Amino acid sequence: MNQHVSATHTPVLLEEAMKALAVQPGGRYIDCTLGNGGHAAAILKQSSPGGQLLGIDADPSAIENARQRLAEWAGATQLVNDNFVNLQSICLKYDFQPVHGILLDLGLSSMQLDTEGRGFSFRNDAPLDMRFDPQQTITAADIVNRYGETELADIIRNYGEEINSQRIARCIIDARPLKSTRQLAQVVERALGSRKNSKIHPATRTFQALRIAVNHELENLEATLKQAVSLLGFGGRLVVISYHSLEDRIVKQFLHRESRDCICPPTTPECICQHTASLQLVNKKVIKPSAEEIARNPRSRSARLRAAERVFVNDDYRDASEGLCFAIGKNENGWRRPLLLERLRTTFWAS
């Protein structure tokens, strides 16, 4: 089963992600959403010789699948079963900083969607679980069967962007207890009516909302983006692939804010924020899958990629980075020290 899933998994925006990461031989990279290891394998291949990868996933089954897929690079990988919200402490524990690139692919893996019993999809009847980490205490069943109508409606509206959230919440409460994905999908369908002209099942937004709430996805994403910037060396890249507007909005706003020196409101006559840009945008426009990729992998259709590069914040960071030496070893094509790289760039820009 594991081998089959790993073999058929198709990483989304693979070429675009590798280009945005600017993967270099000898570089150190973090895949915060390891999944089945598709992006990780490409990073390791492109960063050879001398490349290193730290792979993180909250799902223990994903770690085992990726371990099989990445077996040929076992000596260059460190796989960690943890939530990426703990990114900074993980890097401290494994002495894996600073790094040249960090990737977050926020979509559900094919394994999670297709594996029975996880409850992420209503195509197959399964318990209302939806946890990335089986050790978490709160499940979708807990939310559906215990939360009050107002709280349930807020989750469906805020995390699912469902305008009929109140009606759905009321119907869910009337139908309690709900134990399976199929039961929940039928309740939502009855609440909204079948949408024959829509390509999206009526329950899709509700399932998205519950999954986000169970795993604290949006809060964890915001916290992780802040940590990621502090772990990047000068010139390091942060690449994020999101799949719905809530995630993409958080990523877009964060990258734009951190790429500006002043974040004061437009009405402020003089800058008082003392904010300094820590990033510069790699692609000003969001990158989307090609028509060819969508035809090969329909699950990629909603993917959106954004990327930014780490820049010096101030002289203190410049002084600290002078003491850092990225792995060069015998590989003359490997990464150079950050300050040397900046001096080279300054020389060429000046000319």
Protein backbone atom coordinates (compact mmCIF):
# COMPACT_ATOMS: atom_id res chain seq x y z
CA MET A 1 0.00 0.00 0.00
CA ASN A 2 2.72 2.47 0.94
CA GLN A 3 4.77 1.71 -2.13
CA HIS A 4 1.75 2.16 -4.35
CA VAL A 5 0.88 5.53 -2.85
CA SER A 6 4.43 6.81 -3.09
CA ALA A 7 4.75 5.71 -6.68
CA THR A 8 1.57 7.40 -7.85
CA HIS A 9 1.84 10.66 -5.91
CA THR A 10 2.38 13.65 -8.16
CA PRO A 11 3.99 16.71 -6.55
CA VAL A 12 2.29 19.96 -7.53
CA LEU A 13 4.17 22.76 -9.35
CA LEU A 14 7.38 20.75 -9.08
CA GLU A 15 9.48 22.56 -11.70
CA GLU A 16 8.18 25.95 -10.60
CA ALA A 17 8.96 25.20 -6.94
CA MET A 18 12.53 24.09 -7.73
CA LYS A 19 13.11 27.23 -9.78
CA ALA A 20 11.67 29.46 -7.05
CA LEU A 21 13.83 27.76 -4.40
CA ALA A 22 16.91 28.24 -6.62
CA VAL A 23 18.25 24.90 -5.38
CA GLN A 24 22.06 24.79 -5.40
CA PRO A 25 24.54 21.91 -4.97
CA GLY A 26 25.65 21.69 -1.35
CA GLY A 27 22.68 23.66 -0.06
CA ARG A 28 20.60 23.01 3.05
CA TYR A 29 16.83 22.88 2.61
CA ILE A 30 13.72 22.31 4.69
CA ASP A 31 10.56 20.69 3.39
CA CYS A 32 8.00 21.62 6.05
CA THR A 33 5.27 19.47 4.49
CA LEU A 34 7.08 16.30 3.51
CA GLY A 35 4.05 14.30 2.39
CA ASN A 36 5.15 11.46 0.14
CA GLY A 37 8.51 13.11 -0.54
CA GLY A 38 7.99 14.23 -4.14
CA HIS A 39 9.33 17.76 -3.69
CA ALA A 40 11.98 16.49 -1.24
CA ALA A 41 13.33 13.99 -3.79
CA ALA A 42 13.67 16.75 -6.39
CA ILE A 43 15.46 19.01 -3.90
CA LEU A 44 17.93 16.27 -2.92
CA LYS A 45 18.63 15.38 -6.53
CA GLN A 46 19.22 19.00 -7.54
CA SER A 47 21.29 19.86 -4.44
CA SER A 48 23.65 16.92 -4.95
CA PRO A 49 26.49 16.60 -4.29
CA GLY A 50 26.58 17.74 -0.70
CA GLY A 51 22.97 18.82 -0.29
CA GLN A 52 21.07 18.28 2.95
CA LEU A 53 17.35 18.13 3.66
CA LEU A 54 15.29 18.41 6.82
CA GLY A 55 11.82 16.97 6.20
CA ILE A 56 8.91 17.64 8.55
CA ASP A 57 5.41 16.18 8.64
CA ALA A 58 2.80 15.87 11.38
CA ASP A 59 1.52 12.63 9.86
CA PRO A 60 3.65 9.62 10.92
CA SER A 61 2.50 7.58 7.91
CA ALA A 62 3.82 10.34 5.62
CA ILE A 63 7.21 10.11 7.29
CA GLU A 64 7.37 6.36 6.64
CA ASN A 65 6.31 6.75 3.00
CA ALA A 66 8.87 9.48 2.44
CA ARG A 67 11.59 7.44 4.15
CA GLN A 68 11.12 4.72 1.54
CA ARG A 69 11.06 7.18 -1.34
CA LEU A 70 14.18 9.03 -0.15
CA ALA A 71 16.17 5.91 0.81
CA GLU A 72 18.97 6.60 -1.67
CA TRP A 73 19.65 9.94 0.08
CA ALA A 74 19.35 8.55 3.62
CA GLY A 75 22.69 10.03 4.64
CA ALA A 76 21.63 13.52 3.58
CA THR A 77 18.17 13.58 5.14
CA GLN A 78 16.72 14.12 8.57
CA LEU A 79 13.00 13.26 8.77
CA VAL A 80 10.99 14.56 11.72
CA ASN A 81 7.45 13.65 12.75
CA ASP A 82 6.25 16.98 14.08
CA ASN A 83 4.09 19.97 13.18
CA PHE A 84 5.81 22.69 11.18
CA VAL A 85 4.57 25.24 13.71
CA ASN A 86 7.55 24.00 15.78
CA LEU A 87 9.95 24.78 12.94
CA GLN A 88 12.40 26.89 14.92
CA SER A 89 12.75 24.45 17.82
CA ILE A 90 13.16 21.54 15.37
CA CYS A 91 16.00 23.35 13.62
CA LEU A 92 17.66 24.12 16.95
CA LYS A 93 17.37 20.49 18.03
CA TYR A 94 18.99 19.17 14.85
CA ASP A 95 21.43 22.08 14.42
CA PHE A 96 19.95 22.82 11.01
CA GLN A 97 20.29 26.56 10.52
CA PRO A 98 20.74 28.83 8.69
CA VAL A 99 19.32 27.31 5.51
CA HIS A 100 19.19 28.12 1.82
CA GLY A 101 15.55 27.33 1.21
CA ILE A 102 12.28 26.47 2.94
CA LEU A 103 9.26 24.94 1.19
CA LEU A 104 5.67 24.68 2.40
CA ASP A 105 3.21 22.76 0.22
CA LEU A 106 -0.02 23.26 2.13
CA GLY A 107 -2.23 20.85 0.22
CA LEU A 108 -3.45 17.48 1.41
CA SER A 109 -1.41 14.63 -0.01
CA SER A 110 -2.98 11.99 -2.24
CA MET A 111 -2.26 9.49 0.52
CA GLN A 112 -4.31 11.46 3.05
CA LEU A 113 -7.21 11.93 0.64
CA ASP A 114 -7.26 8.35 -0.58
CA THR A 115 -6.57 6.47 2.64
CA GLU A 116 -9.75 5.13 4.19
CA GLY A 117 -10.35 5.94 7.81
CA ARG A 118 -8.78 9.42 7.86
CA GLY A 119 -12.05 11.25 7.16
CA PHE A 120 -10.60 13.96 4.92
CA SER A 121 -12.87 13.08 2.00
CA PHE A 122 -16.54 12.14 1.72
CA ARG A 123 -16.02 9.98 -1.36
CA ASN A 124 -15.60 7.01 0.97
CA ASP A 125 -17.48 6.58 4.22
CA ALA A 126 -15.12 6.98 7.18
CA PRO A 127 -15.09 8.22 10.79
CA LEU A 128 -15.13 11.99 11.22
CA ASP A 129 -11.46 12.34 12.13
CA MET A 130 -9.50 14.77 9.88
CA ARG A 131 -6.42 14.93 12.13
CA PHE A 132 -3.01 15.26 10.49
CA ASP A 133 -1.44 13.98 13.70
CA PRO A 134 -3.27 10.97 15.20
CA GLN A 135 -2.01 12.07 18.63
CA GLN A 136 -4.14 15.22 18.57
CA THR A 137 -7.12 15.12 20.90
CA ILE A 138 -9.77 17.09 18.97
CA THR A 139 -11.37 15.42 15.94
CA ALA A 140 -13.97 16.62 13.45
CA ALA A 141 -16.53 14.46 15.27
CA ASP A 142 -15.88 16.43 18.47
CA ILE A 143 -16.57 19.73 16.72
CA VAL A 144 -19.63 18.49 14.84
CA ASN A 145 -21.25 16.86 17.87
CA ARG A 146 -20.23 19.12 20.76
CA TYR A 147 -19.95 22.71 19.55
CA GLY A 148 -22.87 25.12 19.82
CA GLU A 149 -24.71 26.43 16.77
CA THR A 150 -23.05 29.85 16.75
CA GLU A 151 -19.53 28.48 17.18
CA LEU A 152 -20.12 25.81 14.54
CA ALA A 153 -21.53 28.38 12.10
CA ASP A 154 -18.53 30.66 12.68
CA ILE A 155 -16.10 27.85 11.84
CA ILE A 156 -17.94 26.95 8.64
CA ARG A 157 -18.20 30.60 7.57
CA ASN A 158 -14.69 31.75 8.53
CA TYR A 159 -12.73 28.67 7.45
CA GLY A 160 -14.97 27.43 4.64
CA GLU A 161 -16.14 30.81 3.30
CA GLU A 162 -19.62 29.32 3.23
CA ILE A 163 -22.37 31.97 3.14
CA ASN A 164 -25.01 29.48 4.30
CA SER A 165 -23.08 28.48 7.41
CA GLN A 166 -25.94 29.22 9.83
CA ARG A 167 -28.32 26.94 7.97
CA ILE A 168 -25.73 24.15 7.81
CA ALA A 169 -24.91 24.46 11.52
CA ARG A 170 -28.59 24.25 12.44
CA CYS A 171 -29.09 21.14 10.29
CA ILE A 172 -25.99 19.49 11.78
CA ILE A 173 -27.25 20.06 15.32
CA ASP A 174 -30.69 18.68 14.41
CA ALA A 175 -29.08 15.54 12.94
CA ARG A 176 -26.74 14.78 15.87
CA PRO A 177 -25.01 12.50 16.60
CA LEU A 178 -23.03 12.30 13.35
CA LYS A 179 -20.32 9.67 13.17
CA SER A 180 -19.23 9.36 9.54
CA THR A 181 -18.17 11.51 6.60
CA ARG A 182 -21.05 10.28 4.49
CA GLN A 183 -23.59 11.20 7.17
CA LEU A 184 -22.18 14.71 7.41
CA ALA A 185 -22.04 15.17 3.62
CA GLN A 186 -25.70 14.11 3.34
CA VAL A 187 -26.76 16.54 6.06
CA VAL A 188 -24.99 19.44 4.34
CA GLU A 189 -26.45 18.45 0.99
CA ARG A 190 -29.94 18.44 2.47
CA ALA A 191 -29.30 21.86 4.04
CA LEU A 192 -28.15 23.42 0.77
CA GLY A 193 -29.89 21.28 -1.79
CA SER A 194 -28.09 19.49 -4.61
CA ARG A 195 -26.25 21.85 -6.95
CA LYS A 196 -26.55 20.12 -10.29
CA ASN A 197 -24.79 22.90 -12.21
CA SER A 198 -21.85 23.10 -9.79
CA LYS A 199 -18.66 21.09 -10.12
CA ILE A 200 -18.14 21.37 -6.35
CA HIS A 201 -20.06 19.15 -3.94
CA PRO A 202 -22.18 21.16 -1.47
CA ALA A 203 -20.24 19.73 1.48
CA THR A 204 -16.76 20.66 0.18
CA ARG A 205 -16.52 23.98 2.00
CA THR A 206 -17.81 22.52 5.26
CA PHE A 207 -15.25 19.72 5.15
CA GLN A 208 -12.49 22.24 4.44
CA ALA A 209 -13.59 24.35 7.40
CA LEU A 210 -13.63 21.42 9.80
CA ARG A 211 -10.20 20.19 8.68
CA ILE A 212 -8.71 23.67 9.15
CA ALA A 213 -10.27 23.99 12.60
CA VAL A 214 -9.17 20.52 13.74
CA ASN A 215 -5.54 21.14 12.75
CA HIS A 216 -5.31 24.89 13.51
CA GLU A 217 -3.97 25.31 10.00
CA LEU A 218 -4.24 29.08 9.57
CA GLU A 219 -2.81 29.96 12.98
CA ASN A 220 0.04 27.50 12.46
CA LEU A 221 0.78 28.92 9.00
CA GLU A 222 1.12 32.49 10.29
CA ALA A 223 3.42 31.40 13.11
CA THR A 224 5.55 29.27 10.78
CA LEU A 225 6.09 32.01 8.21
CA LYS A 226 7.59 34.25 10.89
CA GLN A 227 9.92 31.49 12.05
CA ALA A 228 10.96 30.63 8.50
CA VAL A 229 12.32 34.11 7.81
CA SER A 230 14.59 33.98 10.85
CA LEU A 231 16.05 30.64 9.71
CA LEU A 232 16.98 31.71 6.19
CA GLY A 233 20.51 32.81 5.39
CA PHE A 234 21.10 35.80 3.14
CA GLY A 235 19.80 34.99 -0.33
CA GLY A 236 17.79 32.03 1.01
CA ARG A 237 14.36 31.43 -0.48
CA LEU A 238 10.94 30.89 1.09
CA VAL A 239 8.44 29.15 -1.21
CA VAL A 240 4.80 28.49 -0.30
CA ILE A 241 2.19 26.59 -2.31
CA SER A 242 -1.37 27.18 -1.09
CA TYR A 243 -4.68 25.76 -2.25
CA HIS A 244 -7.46 28.05 -1.09
CA SER A 245 -7.95 31.78 -0.69
CA LEU A 246 -7.59 31.82 3.10
CA GLU A 247 -4.07 30.34 2.98
CA ASP A 248 -3.04 32.36 -0.06
CA ARG A 249 -4.24 35.61 1.54
CA ILE A 250 -2.13 34.97 4.65
CA VAL A 251 0.96 34.18 2.55
CA LYS A 252 0.46 37.13 0.20
CA GLN A 253 -0.03 39.63 3.01
CA PHE A 254 2.95 38.30 4.98
CA LEU A 255 5.35 38.39 2.02
CA HIS A 256 4.24 41.85 0.95
CA ARG A 257 4.52 43.20 4.49
CA GLU A 258 7.98 41.74 5.03
CA SER A 259 9.22 43.07 1.69
CA ARG A 260 8.49 46.69 2.67
CA ASP A 261 10.55 49.04 4.84
CA CYS A 262 7.51 50.93 6.08
CA ILE A 263 4.22 49.29 7.02
CA CYS A 264 2.56 52.37 8.52
CA PRO A 265 -1.05 53.07 7.44
CA PRO A 266 -1.25 55.28 4.32
CA THR A 267 -2.73 58.10 6.39
CA THR A 268 0.37 58.29 8.63
CA PRO A 269 2.27 61.47 7.58
CA GLU A 270 5.65 60.17 8.75
CA CYS A 271 6.95 56.63 9.26
CA ILE A 272 6.82 55.57 12.90
CA CYS A 273 6.83 51.77 12.54
CA GLN A 274 10.62 51.32 12.33
CA HIS A 275 9.98 48.23 10.23
CA THR A 276 12.77 47.01 7.95
CA ALA A 277 12.24 44.73 4.98
CA SER A 278 13.53 41.20 5.56
CA LEU A 279 12.41 39.78 2.21
CA GLN A 280 12.21 40.71 -1.43
CA LEU A 281 9.61 39.13 -3.69
CA VAL A 282 10.88 36.61 -6.22
CA ASN A 283 7.68 36.60 -8.25
CA LYS A 284 5.42 39.63 -8.02
CA LYS A 285 2.57 37.71 -9.61
CA VAL A 286 1.31 34.44 -8.19
CA ILE A 287 2.37 31.31 -10.10
CA LYS A 288 -0.37 28.87 -11.12
CA PRO A 289 -0.27 25.39 -12.67
CA SER A 290 -0.22 25.15 -16.45
CA ALA A 291 -3.15 23.70 -18.37
CA GLU A 292 -1.00 20.63 -19.06
CA GLU A 293 -0.35 20.03 -15.36
CA ILE A 294 -4.03 20.44 -14.48
CA ALA A 295 -4.91 17.91 -17.18
CA ARG A 296 -2.37 15.43 -15.71
CA ASN A 297 -3.26 16.15 -12.09
CA PRO A 298 -6.69 17.79 -11.58
CA ARG A 299 -5.95 18.22 -7.85
CA SER A 300 -3.38 20.88 -8.78
CA ARG A 301 -5.96 23.24 -10.29
CA SER A 302 -6.30 25.45 -7.20
CA ALA A 303 -2.56 25.62 -6.38
CA ARG A 304 -0.92 29.03 -6.01
CA LEU A 305 2.85 29.52 -5.53
CA ARG A 306 4.50 32.57 -3.97
CA ALA A 307 8.20 33.04 -3.22
CA ALA A 308 10.52 35.54 -1.58
CA GLU A 309 14.24 35.88 -0.90
CA ARG A 310 15.89 36.81 2.39
CA VAL A 311 17.73 40.12 2.53
CA PHE A 312 19.88 41.75 5.19
CA VAL A 313 17.81 43.55 7.80
CA ASN A 314 20.53 45.64 9.48
CA ASP A 315 24.21 45.78 10.37
CA ASP A 316 23.69 43.45 13.31
CA TYR A 317 22.52 40.70 11.00
CA ARG A 318 25.38 41.53 8.63
CA ASP A 319 27.92 41.10 11.43
CA ALA A 320 26.32 37.86 12.58
CA SER A 321 26.22 36.43 9.09
CA GLU A 322 29.95 37.14 8.62
CA GLY A 323 30.59 34.36 11.13
CA LEU A 324 28.41 31.85 9.31
CA CYS A 325 29.96 29.54 6.78
CA PHE A 326 27.62 27.48 4.65
CA ALA A 327 28.71 24.04 3.49
CA ILE A 328 31.19 24.31 0.65
CA GLY A 329 33.50 21.36 1.30
CA LYS A 330 35.06 20.04 -1.88
CA ASN A 331 32.15 21.25 -3.97
CA GLU A 332 33.27 24.45 -5.68
CA ASN A 333 29.74 24.98 -6.96
CA GLY A 334 28.34 25.01 -3.44
CA TRP A 335 26.99 27.92 -1.43
CA ARG A 336 29.37 30.73 -0.46
CA ARG A 337 29.47 32.69 2.76
CA PRO A 338 26.63 35.24 2.87
CA LEU A 339 28.81 38.35 3.16
CA LEU A 340 31.05 37.24 0.30
CA LEU A 341 28.00 36.63 -1.85
CA GLU A 342 26.74 40.12 -1.07
CA ARG A 343 30.09 41.69 -1.96
CA LEU A 344 30.11 39.89 -5.29
CA ARG A 345 26.59 41.05 -6.04
CA THR A 346 27.43 44.64 -5.04
CA THR A 347 30.45 44.60 -7.36
CA PHE A 348 28.44 43.43 -10.33
CA TRP A 349 25.58 45.85 -9.63
CA ALA A 350 28.05 48.73 -9.38
CA SER A 351 29.51 47.85 -12.75
